[in-house]
mmCIF file of all heavy atoms, coordinates in Angstrom:
data_MODEL
# 
_entry.id   MODEL 
# 
loop_
_atom_site.group_PDB 
_atom_site.id 
_atom_site.type_symbol 
_atom_site.label_atom_id 
_atom_site.label_alt_id 
_atom_site.label_comp_id 
_atom_site.label_asym_id 
_atom_site.label_entity_id 
_atom_site.label_seq_id 
_atom_site.pdbx_PDB_ins_code 
_atom_site.Cartn_x 
_atom_site.Cartn_y 
_atom_site.Cartn_z 
_atom_site.occupancy 
_atom_site.B_iso_or_equiv 
_atom_site.pdbx_formal_charge 
_atom_site.auth_seq_id 
_atom_site.auth_comp_id 
_atom_site.auth_asym_id 
_atom_site.auth_atom_id 
_atom_site.pdbx_PDB_model_num 
ATOM 1   N N   . CYS A 1 1  ? 0.848  -1.194  0.000  1.00 0.00 ? 1  CYS A N   1 
ATOM 2   C CA  . CYS A 1 1  ? 0.000  0.000   0.000  1.00 0.00 ? 1  CYS A CA  1 
ATOM 3   C C   . CYS A 1 1  ? 0.884  1.244   0.000  1.00 0.00 ? 1  CYS A C   1 
ATOM 4   O O   . CYS A 1 1  ? 1.653  1.452   0.943  1.00 0.00 ? 1  CYS A O   1 
ATOM 5   C CB  . CYS A 1 1  ? -0.885 0.028   1.240  1.00 0.00 ? 1  CYS A CB  1 
ATOM 6   S SG  . CYS A 1 1  ? -1.952 -1.407  1.412  1.00 0.00 ? 1  CYS A SG  1 
ATOM 7   N N   . PRO A 1 2  ? 0.786  2.082   -1.039 1.00 0.00 ? 2  PRO A N   1 
ATOM 8   C CA  . PRO A 1 2  ? 1.549  3.321   -1.026 1.00 0.00 ? 2  PRO A CA  1 
ATOM 9   C C   . PRO A 1 2  ? 0.932  4.294   -0.019 1.00 0.00 ? 2  PRO A C   1 
ATOM 10  O O   . PRO A 1 2  ? -0.283 4.330   0.162  1.00 0.00 ? 2  PRO A O   1 
ATOM 11  C CB  . PRO A 1 2  ? 1.419  3.838   -2.459 1.00 0.00 ? 2  PRO A CB  1 
ATOM 12  C CG  . PRO A 1 2  ? 0.216  3.178   -3.018 1.00 0.00 ? 2  PRO A CG  1 
ATOM 13  C CD  . PRO A 1 2  ? 0.022  1.904   -2.269 1.00 0.00 ? 2  PRO A CD  1 
ATOM 14  N N   . VAL A 1 3  ? 1.786  5.077   0.629  1.00 0.00 ? 3  VAL A N   1 
ATOM 15  C CA  . VAL A 1 3  ? 1.341  6.087   1.592  1.00 0.00 ? 3  VAL A CA  1 
ATOM 16  C C   . VAL A 1 3  ? 1.848  7.432   1.084  1.00 0.00 ? 3  VAL A C   1 
ATOM 17  O O   . VAL A 1 3  ? 3.022  7.568   0.746  1.00 0.00 ? 3  VAL A O   1 
ATOM 18  C CB  . VAL A 1 3  ? 1.897  5.800   3.005  1.00 0.00 ? 3  VAL A CB  1 
ATOM 19  C CG1 . VAL A 1 3  ? 1.468  6.879   3.979  1.00 0.00 ? 3  VAL A CG1 1 
ATOM 20  C CG2 . VAL A 1 3  ? 1.424  4.422   3.478  1.00 0.00 ? 3  VAL A CG2 1 
ATOM 21  N N   . TYR A 1 4  ? 0.951  8.386   1.048  1.00 0.00 ? 4  TYR A N   1 
ATOM 22  C CA  . TYR A 1 4  ? 1.294  9.694   0.500  1.00 0.00 ? 4  TYR A CA  1 
ATOM 23  C C   . TYR A 1 4  ? 1.336  10.754  1.594  1.00 0.00 ? 4  TYR A C   1 
ATOM 24  O O   . TYR A 1 4  ? 0.561  10.706  2.552  1.00 0.00 ? 4  TYR A O   1 
ATOM 25  C CB  . TYR A 1 4  ? 0.279  10.091  -0.570 1.00 0.00 ? 4  TYR A CB  1 
ATOM 26  C CG  . TYR A 1 4  ? 0.294  9.139   -1.743 1.00 0.00 ? 4  TYR A CG  1 
ATOM 27  C CD1 . TYR A 1 4  ? -0.566 8.051   -1.794 1.00 0.00 ? 4  TYR A CD1 1 
ATOM 28  C CD2 . TYR A 1 4  ? 1.207  9.305   -2.769 1.00 0.00 ? 4  TYR A CD2 1 
ATOM 29  C CE1 . TYR A 1 4  ? -0.532 7.164   -2.861 1.00 0.00 ? 4  TYR A CE1 1 
ATOM 30  C CE2 . TYR A 1 4  ? 1.255  8.432   -3.848 1.00 0.00 ? 4  TYR A CE2 1 
ATOM 31  C CZ  . TYR A 1 4  ? 0.373  7.357   -3.875 1.00 0.00 ? 4  TYR A CZ  1 
ATOM 32  O OH  . TYR A 1 4  ? 0.430  6.474   -4.926 1.00 0.00 ? 4  TYR A OH  1 
ATOM 33  N N   . ALA A 1 5  ? 2.223  11.713  1.423  1.00 0.00 ? 5  ALA A N   1 
ATOM 34  C CA  . ALA A 1 5  ? 2.347  12.847  2.348  1.00 0.00 ? 5  ALA A CA  1 
ATOM 35  C C   . ALA A 1 5  ? 1.202  13.821  2.085  1.00 0.00 ? 5  ALA A C   1 
ATOM 36  O O   . ALA A 1 5  ? 0.460  13.690  1.104  1.00 0.00 ? 5  ALA A O   1 
ATOM 37  C CB  . ALA A 1 5  ? 3.692  13.531  2.141  1.00 0.00 ? 5  ALA A CB  1 
ATOM 38  N N   . ASP A 1 6  ? 1.071  14.798  2.950  1.00 0.00 ? 6  ASP A N   1 
ATOM 39  C CA  . ASP A 1 6  ? 0.011  15.799  2.811  1.00 0.00 ? 6  ASP A CA  1 
ATOM 40  C C   . ASP A 1 6  ? 0.078  16.537  1.478  1.00 0.00 ? 6  ASP A C   1 
ATOM 41  O O   . ASP A 1 6  ? -0.944 16.957  0.939  1.00 0.00 ? 6  ASP A O   1 
ATOM 42  C CB  . ASP A 1 6  ? 0.080  16.813  3.956  1.00 0.00 ? 6  ASP A CB  1 
ATOM 43  C CG  . ASP A 1 6  ? -0.293 16.188  5.294  1.00 0.00 ? 6  ASP A CG  1 
ATOM 44  O OD1 . ASP A 1 6  ? -0.983 15.142  5.295  1.00 0.00 ? 6  ASP A OD1 1 
ATOM 45  O OD2 . ASP A 1 6  ? 0.100  16.747  6.342  1.00 0.00 ? 6  ASP A OD2 1 
ATOM 46  N N   . ASN A 1 7  ? 1.287  16.686  0.934  1.00 0.00 ? 7  ASN A N   1 
ATOM 47  C CA  . ASN A 1 7  ? 1.437  17.392  -0.340 1.00 0.00 ? 7  ASN A CA  1 
ATOM 48  C C   . ASN A 1 7  ? 1.194  16.495  -1.547 1.00 0.00 ? 7  ASN A C   1 
ATOM 49  O O   . ASN A 1 7  ? 1.363  16.908  -2.684 1.00 0.00 ? 7  ASN A O   1 
ATOM 50  C CB  . ASN A 1 7  ? 2.816  18.045  -0.432 1.00 0.00 ? 7  ASN A CB  1 
ATOM 51  C CG  . ASN A 1 7  ? 3.948  17.035  -0.479 1.00 0.00 ? 7  ASN A CG  1 
ATOM 52  O OD1 . ASN A 1 7  ? 3.720  15.828  -0.451 1.00 0.00 ? 7  ASN A OD1 1 
ATOM 53  N ND2 . ASN A 1 7  ? 5.171  17.527  -0.538 1.00 0.00 ? 7  ASN A ND2 1 
ATOM 54  N N   . GLY A 1 8  ? 0.831  15.237  -1.307 1.00 0.00 ? 8  GLY A N   1 
ATOM 55  C CA  . GLY A 1 8  ? 0.524  14.311  -2.387 1.00 0.00 ? 8  GLY A CA  1 
ATOM 56  C C   . GLY A 1 8  ? 1.703  13.496  -2.883 1.00 0.00 ? 8  GLY A C   1 
ATOM 57  O O   . GLY A 1 8  ? 1.540  12.628  -3.739 1.00 0.00 ? 8  GLY A O   1 
ATOM 58  N N   . ALA A 1 9  ? 2.886  13.766  -2.362 1.00 0.00 ? 9  ALA A N   1 
ATOM 59  C CA  . ALA A 1 9  ? 4.073  13.018  -2.780 1.00 0.00 ? 9  ALA A CA  1 
ATOM 60  C C   . ALA A 1 9  ? 4.112  11.662  -2.073 1.00 0.00 ? 9  ALA A C   1 
ATOM 61  O O   . ALA A 1 9  ? 3.675  11.529  -0.926 1.00 0.00 ? 9  ALA A O   1 
ATOM 62  C CB  . ALA A 1 9  ? 5.342  13.800  -2.458 1.00 0.00 ? 9  ALA A CB  1 
ATOM 63  N N   . LEU A 1 10 ? 4.649  10.682  -2.760 1.00 0.00 ? 10 LEU A N   1 
ATOM 64  C CA  . LEU A 1 10 ? 4.812  9.361   -2.165 1.00 0.00 ? 10 LEU A CA  1 
ATOM 65  C C   . LEU A 1 10 ? 5.718  9.473   -0.946 1.00 0.00 ? 10 LEU A C   1 
ATOM 66  O O   . LEU A 1 10 ? 6.808  10.021  -1.017 1.00 0.00 ? 10 LEU A O   1 
ATOM 67  C CB  . LEU A 1 10 ? 5.417  8.396   -3.183 1.00 0.00 ? 10 LEU A CB  1 
ATOM 68  C CG  . LEU A 1 10 ? 5.700  6.978   -2.687 1.00 0.00 ? 10 LEU A CG  1 
ATOM 69  C CD1 . LEU A 1 10 ? 4.401  6.249   -2.347 1.00 0.00 ? 10 LEU A CD1 1 
ATOM 70  C CD2 . LEU A 1 10 ? 6.472  6.202   -3.734 1.00 0.00 ? 10 LEU A CD2 1 
ATOM 71  N N   . SER A 1 11 ? 5.260  8.965   0.170  1.00 0.00 ? 11 SER A N   1 
ATOM 72  C CA  . SER A 1 11 ? 6.046  9.008   1.404  1.00 0.00 ? 11 SER A CA  1 
ATOM 73  C C   . SER A 1 11 ? 6.797  7.697   1.617  1.00 0.00 ? 11 SER A C   1 
ATOM 74  O O   . SER A 1 11 ? 8.004  7.684   1.788  1.00 0.00 ? 11 SER A O   1 
ATOM 75  C CB  . SER A 1 11 ? 5.121  9.283   2.593  1.00 0.00 ? 11 SER A CB  1 
ATOM 76  O OG  . SER A 1 11 ? 5.806  9.152   3.808  1.00 0.00 ? 11 SER A OG  1 
ATOM 77  N N   . HIS A 1 12 ? 6.049  6.587   1.625  1.00 0.00 ? 12 HIS A N   1 
ATOM 78  C CA  . HIS A 1 12 ? 6.635  5.267   1.833  1.00 0.00 ? 12 HIS A CA  1 
ATOM 79  C C   . HIS A 1 12 ? 5.580  4.226   1.467  1.00 0.00 ? 12 HIS A C   1 
ATOM 80  O O   . HIS A 1 12 ? 4.510  4.574   1.004  1.00 0.00 ? 12 HIS A O   1 
ATOM 81  C CB  . HIS A 1 12 ? 7.115  5.095   3.282  1.00 0.00 ? 12 HIS A CB  1 
ATOM 82  C CG  . HIS A 1 12 ? 6.019  5.201   4.294  1.00 0.00 ? 12 HIS A CG  1 
ATOM 83  N ND1 . HIS A 1 12 ? 5.507  6.403   4.726  1.00 0.00 ? 12 HIS A ND1 1 
ATOM 84  C CD2 . HIS A 1 12 ? 5.322  4.253   4.966  1.00 0.00 ? 12 HIS A CD2 1 
ATOM 85  C CE1 . HIS A 1 12 ? 4.551  6.202   5.620  1.00 0.00 ? 12 HIS A CE1 1 
ATOM 86  N NE2 . HIS A 1 12 ? 4.416  4.895   5.774  1.00 0.00 ? 12 HIS A NE2 1 
ATOM 87  N N   . TYR A 1 13 ? 5.916  2.963   1.702  1.00 0.00 ? 13 TYR A N   1 
ATOM 88  C CA  . TYR A 1 13 ? 4.983  1.868   1.454  1.00 0.00 ? 13 TYR A CA  1 
ATOM 89  C C   . TYR A 1 13 ? 4.692  1.148   2.757  1.00 0.00 ? 13 TYR A C   1 
ATOM 90  O O   . TYR A 1 13 ? 5.531  1.097   3.655  1.00 0.00 ? 13 TYR A O   1 
ATOM 91  C CB  . TYR A 1 13 ? 5.570  0.867   0.453  1.00 0.00 ? 13 TYR A CB  1 
ATOM 92  C CG  . TYR A 1 13 ? 5.767  1.435   -0.925 1.00 0.00 ? 13 TYR A CG  1 
ATOM 93  C CD1 . TYR A 1 13 ? 7.002  1.927   -1.321 1.00 0.00 ? 13 TYR A CD1 1 
ATOM 94  C CD2 . TYR A 1 13 ? 4.715  1.475   -1.828 1.00 0.00 ? 13 TYR A CD2 1 
ATOM 95  C CE1 . TYR A 1 13 ? 7.190  2.446   -2.595 1.00 0.00 ? 13 TYR A CE1 1 
ATOM 96  C CE2 . TYR A 1 13 ? 4.892  1.993   -3.101 1.00 0.00 ? 13 TYR A CE2 1 
ATOM 97  C CZ  . TYR A 1 13 ? 6.132  2.477   -3.472 1.00 0.00 ? 13 TYR A CZ  1 
ATOM 98  O OH  . TYR A 1 13 ? 6.301  2.991   -4.723 1.00 0.00 ? 13 TYR A OH  1 
ATOM 99  N N   . GLU A 1 14 ? 3.499  0.586   2.815  1.00 0.00 ? 14 GLU A N   1 
ATOM 100 C CA  . GLU A 1 14 ? 3.144  -0.280  3.938  1.00 0.00 ? 14 GLU A CA  1 
ATOM 101 C C   . GLU A 1 14 ? 2.883  -1.681  3.404  1.00 0.00 ? 14 GLU A C   1 
ATOM 102 O O   . GLU A 1 14 ? 2.307  -1.843  2.325  1.00 0.00 ? 14 GLU A O   1 
ATOM 103 C CB  . GLU A 1 14 ? 1.884  0.227   4.630  1.00 0.00 ? 14 GLU A CB  1 
ATOM 104 C CG  . GLU A 1 14 ? 2.056  1.556   5.317  1.00 0.00 ? 14 GLU A CG  1 
ATOM 105 C CD  . GLU A 1 14 ? 0.772  2.065   5.948  1.00 0.00 ? 14 GLU A CD  1 
ATOM 106 O OE1 . GLU A 1 14 ? -0.333 1.588   5.591  1.00 0.00 ? 14 GLU A OE1 1 
ATOM 107 O OE2 . GLU A 1 14 ? 0.885  2.940   6.809  1.00 0.00 ? 14 GLU A OE2 1 
ATOM 108 N N   . LEU A 1 15 ? 3.320  -2.671  4.156  1.00 0.00 ? 15 LEU A N   1 
ATOM 109 C CA  . LEU A 1 15 ? 2.946  -4.054  3.897  1.00 0.00 ? 15 LEU A CA  1 
ATOM 110 C C   . LEU A 1 15 ? 1.806  -4.378  4.843  1.00 0.00 ? 15 LEU A C   1 
ATOM 111 O O   . LEU A 1 15 ? 1.923  -4.165  6.051  1.00 0.00 ? 15 LEU A O   1 
ATOM 112 C CB  . LEU A 1 15 ? 4.107  -5.002  4.182  1.00 0.00 ? 15 LEU A CB  1 
ATOM 113 C CG  . LEU A 1 15 ? 5.198  -5.105  3.146  1.00 0.00 ? 15 LEU A CG  1 
ATOM 114 C CD1 . LEU A 1 15 ? 6.290  -6.053  3.636  1.00 0.00 ? 15 LEU A CD1 1 
ATOM 115 C CD2 . LEU A 1 15 ? 4.656  -5.603  1.833  1.00 0.00 ? 15 LEU A CD2 1 
ATOM 116 N N   . ARG A 1 16 ? 0.717  -4.863  4.292  1.00 0.00 ? 16 ARG A N   1 
ATOM 117 C CA  . ARG A 1 16 ? -0.449 -5.207  5.103  1.00 0.00 ? 16 ARG A CA  1 
ATOM 118 C C   . ARG A 1 16 ? -0.931 -6.608  4.744  1.00 0.00 ? 16 ARG A C   1 
ATOM 119 O O   . ARG A 1 16 ? -0.789 -7.054  3.613  1.00 0.00 ? 16 ARG A O   1 
ATOM 120 C CB  . ARG A 1 16 ? -1.579 -4.203  4.876  1.00 0.00 ? 16 ARG A CB  1 
ATOM 121 C CG  . ARG A 1 16 ? -1.242 -2.819  5.402  1.00 0.00 ? 16 ARG A CG  1 
ATOM 122 C CD  . ARG A 1 16 ? -2.427 -1.874  5.298  1.00 0.00 ? 16 ARG A CD  1 
ATOM 123 N NE  . ARG A 1 16 ? -2.143 -0.623  5.951  1.00 0.00 ? 16 ARG A NE  1 
ATOM 124 C CZ  . ARG A 1 16 ? -2.369 -0.378  7.234  1.00 0.00 ? 16 ARG A CZ  1 
ATOM 125 N NH1 . ARG A 1 16 ? -2.912 -1.311  8.000  1.00 0.00 ? 16 ARG A NH1 1 
ATOM 126 N NH2 . ARG A 1 16 ? -2.080 0.799   7.762  1.00 0.00 ? 16 ARG A NH2 1 
ATOM 127 N N   . ARG A 1 17 ? -1.507 -7.277  5.731  1.00 0.00 ? 17 ARG A N   1 
ATOM 128 C CA  . ARG A 1 17 ? -2.107 -8.586  5.462  1.00 0.00 ? 17 ARG A CA  1 
ATOM 129 C C   . ARG A 1 17 ? -3.355 -8.376  4.625  1.00 0.00 ? 17 ARG A C   1 
ATOM 130 O O   . ARG A 1 17 ? -4.170 -7.506  4.927  1.00 0.00 ? 17 ARG A O   1 
ATOM 131 C CB  . ARG A 1 17 ? -2.457 -9.286  6.769  1.00 0.00 ? 17 ARG A CB  1 
ATOM 132 C CG  . ARG A 1 17 ? -1.200 -9.630  7.561  1.00 0.00 ? 17 ARG A CG  1 
ATOM 133 C CD  . ARG A 1 17 ? -1.449 -10.548 8.694  1.00 0.00 ? 17 ARG A CD  1 
ATOM 134 N NE  . ARG A 1 17 ? -1.903 -11.840 8.161  1.00 0.00 ? 17 ARG A NE  1 
ATOM 135 C CZ  . ARG A 1 17 ? -2.428 -12.782 8.915  1.00 0.00 ? 17 ARG A CZ  1 
ATOM 136 N NH1 . ARG A 1 17 ? -2.566 -12.600 10.204 1.00 0.00 ? 17 ARG A NH1 1 
ATOM 137 N NH2 . ARG A 1 17 ? -2.814 -13.916 8.386  1.00 0.00 ? 17 ARG A NH2 1 
ATOM 138 N N   . GLU A 1 18 ? -3.487 -9.160  3.557  1.00 0.00 ? 18 GLU A N   1 
ATOM 139 C CA  . GLU A 1 18 ? -4.644 -9.007  2.671  1.00 0.00 ? 18 GLU A CA  1 
ATOM 140 C C   . GLU A 1 18 ? -5.957 -9.303  3.381  1.00 0.00 ? 18 GLU A C   1 
ATOM 141 O O   . GLU A 1 18 ? -6.948 -8.620  3.156  1.00 0.00 ? 18 GLU A O   1 
ATOM 142 C CB  . GLU A 1 18 ? -4.504 -9.903  1.436  1.00 0.00 ? 18 GLU A CB  1 
ATOM 143 C CG  . GLU A 1 18 ? -3.560 -9.367  0.410  1.00 0.00 ? 18 GLU A CG  1 
ATOM 144 C CD  . GLU A 1 18 ? -3.527 -10.187 -0.864 1.00 0.00 ? 18 GLU A CD  1 
ATOM 145 O OE1 . GLU A 1 18 ? -4.385 -11.083 -1.055 1.00 0.00 ? 18 GLU A OE1 1 
ATOM 146 O OE2 . GLU A 1 18 ? -2.626 -9.929  -1.683 1.00 0.00 ? 18 GLU A OE2 1 
ATOM 147 N N   . GLU A 1 19 ? -5.970 -10.307 4.232  1.00 0.00 ? 19 GLU A N   1 
ATOM 148 C CA  . GLU A 1 19 ? -7.215 -10.731 4.873  1.00 0.00 ? 19 GLU A CA  1 
ATOM 149 C C   . GLU A 1 19 ? -7.730 -9.745  5.907  1.00 0.00 ? 19 GLU A C   1 
ATOM 150 O O   . GLU A 1 19 ? -8.935 -9.543  6.030  1.00 0.00 ? 19 GLU A O   1 
ATOM 151 C CB  . GLU A 1 19 ? -7.030 -12.104 5.523  1.00 0.00 ? 19 GLU A CB  1 
ATOM 152 C CG  . GLU A 1 19 ? -6.818 -13.219 4.522  1.00 0.00 ? 19 GLU A CG  1 
ATOM 153 C CD  . GLU A 1 19 ? -6.553 -14.550 5.210  1.00 0.00 ? 19 GLU A CD  1 
ATOM 154 O OE1 . GLU A 1 19 ? -6.569 -14.627 6.447  1.00 0.00 ? 19 GLU A OE1 1 
ATOM 155 O OE2 . GLU A 1 19 ? -6.322 -15.527 4.478  1.00 0.00 ? 19 GLU A OE2 1 
ATOM 156 N N   . THR A 1 20 ? -6.814 -9.132  6.655  1.00 0.00 ? 20 THR A N   1 
ATOM 157 C CA  . THR A 1 20 ? -7.241 -8.298  7.781  1.00 0.00 ? 20 THR A CA  1 
ATOM 158 C C   . THR A 1 20 ? -6.884 -6.824  7.633  1.00 0.00 ? 20 THR A C   1 
ATOM 159 O O   . THR A 1 20 ? -7.416 -5.996  8.377  1.00 0.00 ? 20 THR A O   1 
ATOM 160 C CB  . THR A 1 20 ? -6.581 -8.801  9.080  1.00 0.00 ? 20 THR A CB  1 
ATOM 161 O OG1 . THR A 1 20 ? -5.161 -8.638  8.966  1.00 0.00 ? 20 THR A OG1 1 
ATOM 162 C CG2 . THR A 1 20 ? -6.927 -10.251 9.357  1.00 0.00 ? 20 THR A CG2 1 
ATOM 163 N N   . GLY A 1 21 ? -5.981 -6.495  6.729  1.00 0.00 ? 21 GLY A N   1 
ATOM 164 C CA  . GLY A 1 21 ? -5.509 -5.118  6.610  1.00 0.00 ? 21 GLY A CA  1 
ATOM 165 C C   . GLY A 1 21 ? -4.498 -4.740  7.675  1.00 0.00 ? 21 GLY A C   1 
ATOM 166 O O   . GLY A 1 21 ? -4.036 -3.600  7.732  1.00 0.00 ? 21 GLY A O   1 
ATOM 167 N N   . GLU A 1 22 ? -4.141 -5.706  8.540  1.00 0.00 ? 22 GLU A N   1 
ATOM 168 C CA  . GLU A 1 22 ? -3.187 -5.462  9.625  1.00 0.00 ? 22 GLU A CA  1 
ATOM 169 C C   . GLU A 1 22 ? -1.847 -4.993  9.066  1.00 0.00 ? 22 GLU A C   1 
ATOM 170 O O   . GLU A 1 22 ? -1.312 -5.572  8.121  1.00 0.00 ? 22 GLU A O   1 
ATOM 171 C CB  . GLU A 1 22 ? -3.000 -6.757  10.411 1.00 0.00 ? 22 GLU A CB  1 
ATOM 172 C CG  . GLU A 1 22 ? -1.898 -6.725  11.432 1.00 0.00 ? 22 GLU A CG  1 
ATOM 173 C CD  . GLU A 1 22 ? -1.598 -8.107  12.006 1.00 0.00 ? 22 GLU A CD  1 
ATOM 174 O OE1 . GLU A 1 22 ? -2.218 -9.104  11.582 1.00 0.00 ? 22 GLU A OE1 1 
ATOM 175 O OE2 . GLU A 1 22 ? -0.719 -8.170  12.869 1.00 0.00 ? 22 GLU A OE2 1 
ATOM 176 N N   . LEU A 1 23 ? -1.309 -3.933  9.658  1.00 0.00 ? 23 LEU A N   1 
ATOM 177 C CA  . LEU A 1 23 ? -0.014 -3.414  9.257  1.00 0.00 ? 23 LEU A CA  1 
ATOM 178 C C   . LEU A 1 23 ? 1.081  -4.374  9.690  1.00 0.00 ? 23 LEU A C   1 
ATOM 179 O O   . LEU A 1 23 ? 1.164  -4.755  10.850 1.00 0.00 ? 23 LEU A O   1 
ATOM 180 C CB  . LEU A 1 23 ? 0.229  -2.031  9.877  1.00 0.00 ? 23 LEU A CB  1 
ATOM 181 C CG  . LEU A 1 23 ? 1.565  -1.373  9.563  1.00 0.00 ? 23 LEU A CG  1 
ATOM 182 C CD1 . LEU A 1 23 ? 1.679  -1.056  8.077  1.00 0.00 ? 23 LEU A CD1 1 
ATOM 183 C CD2 . LEU A 1 23 ? 1.739  -0.108  10.391 1.00 0.00 ? 23 LEU A CD2 1 
ATOM 184 N N   . VAL A 1 24 ? 1.926  -4.757  8.747  1.00 0.00 ? 24 VAL A N   1 
ATOM 185 C CA  . VAL A 1 24 ? 3.034  -5.666  9.020  1.00 0.00 ? 24 VAL A CA  1 
ATOM 186 C C   . VAL A 1 24 ? 4.339  -4.885  9.106  1.00 0.00 ? 24 VAL A C   1 
ATOM 187 O O   . VAL A 1 24 ? 5.152  -5.107  9.984  1.00 0.00 ? 24 VAL A O   1 
ATOM 188 C CB  . VAL A 1 24 ? 3.132  -6.765  7.936  1.00 0.00 ? 24 VAL A CB  1 
ATOM 189 C CG1 . VAL A 1 24 ? 4.357  -7.632  8.141  1.00 0.00 ? 24 VAL A CG1 1 
ATOM 190 C CG2 . VAL A 1 24 ? 1.867  -7.594  7.923  1.00 0.00 ? 24 VAL A CG2 1 
# 
């Protein structure tokens, strides 16, 4: 999951479990 800063720029990525959305 890409995460964007307030200005719309890419900040970083998150890995999440598909089934639960839990942040890994």
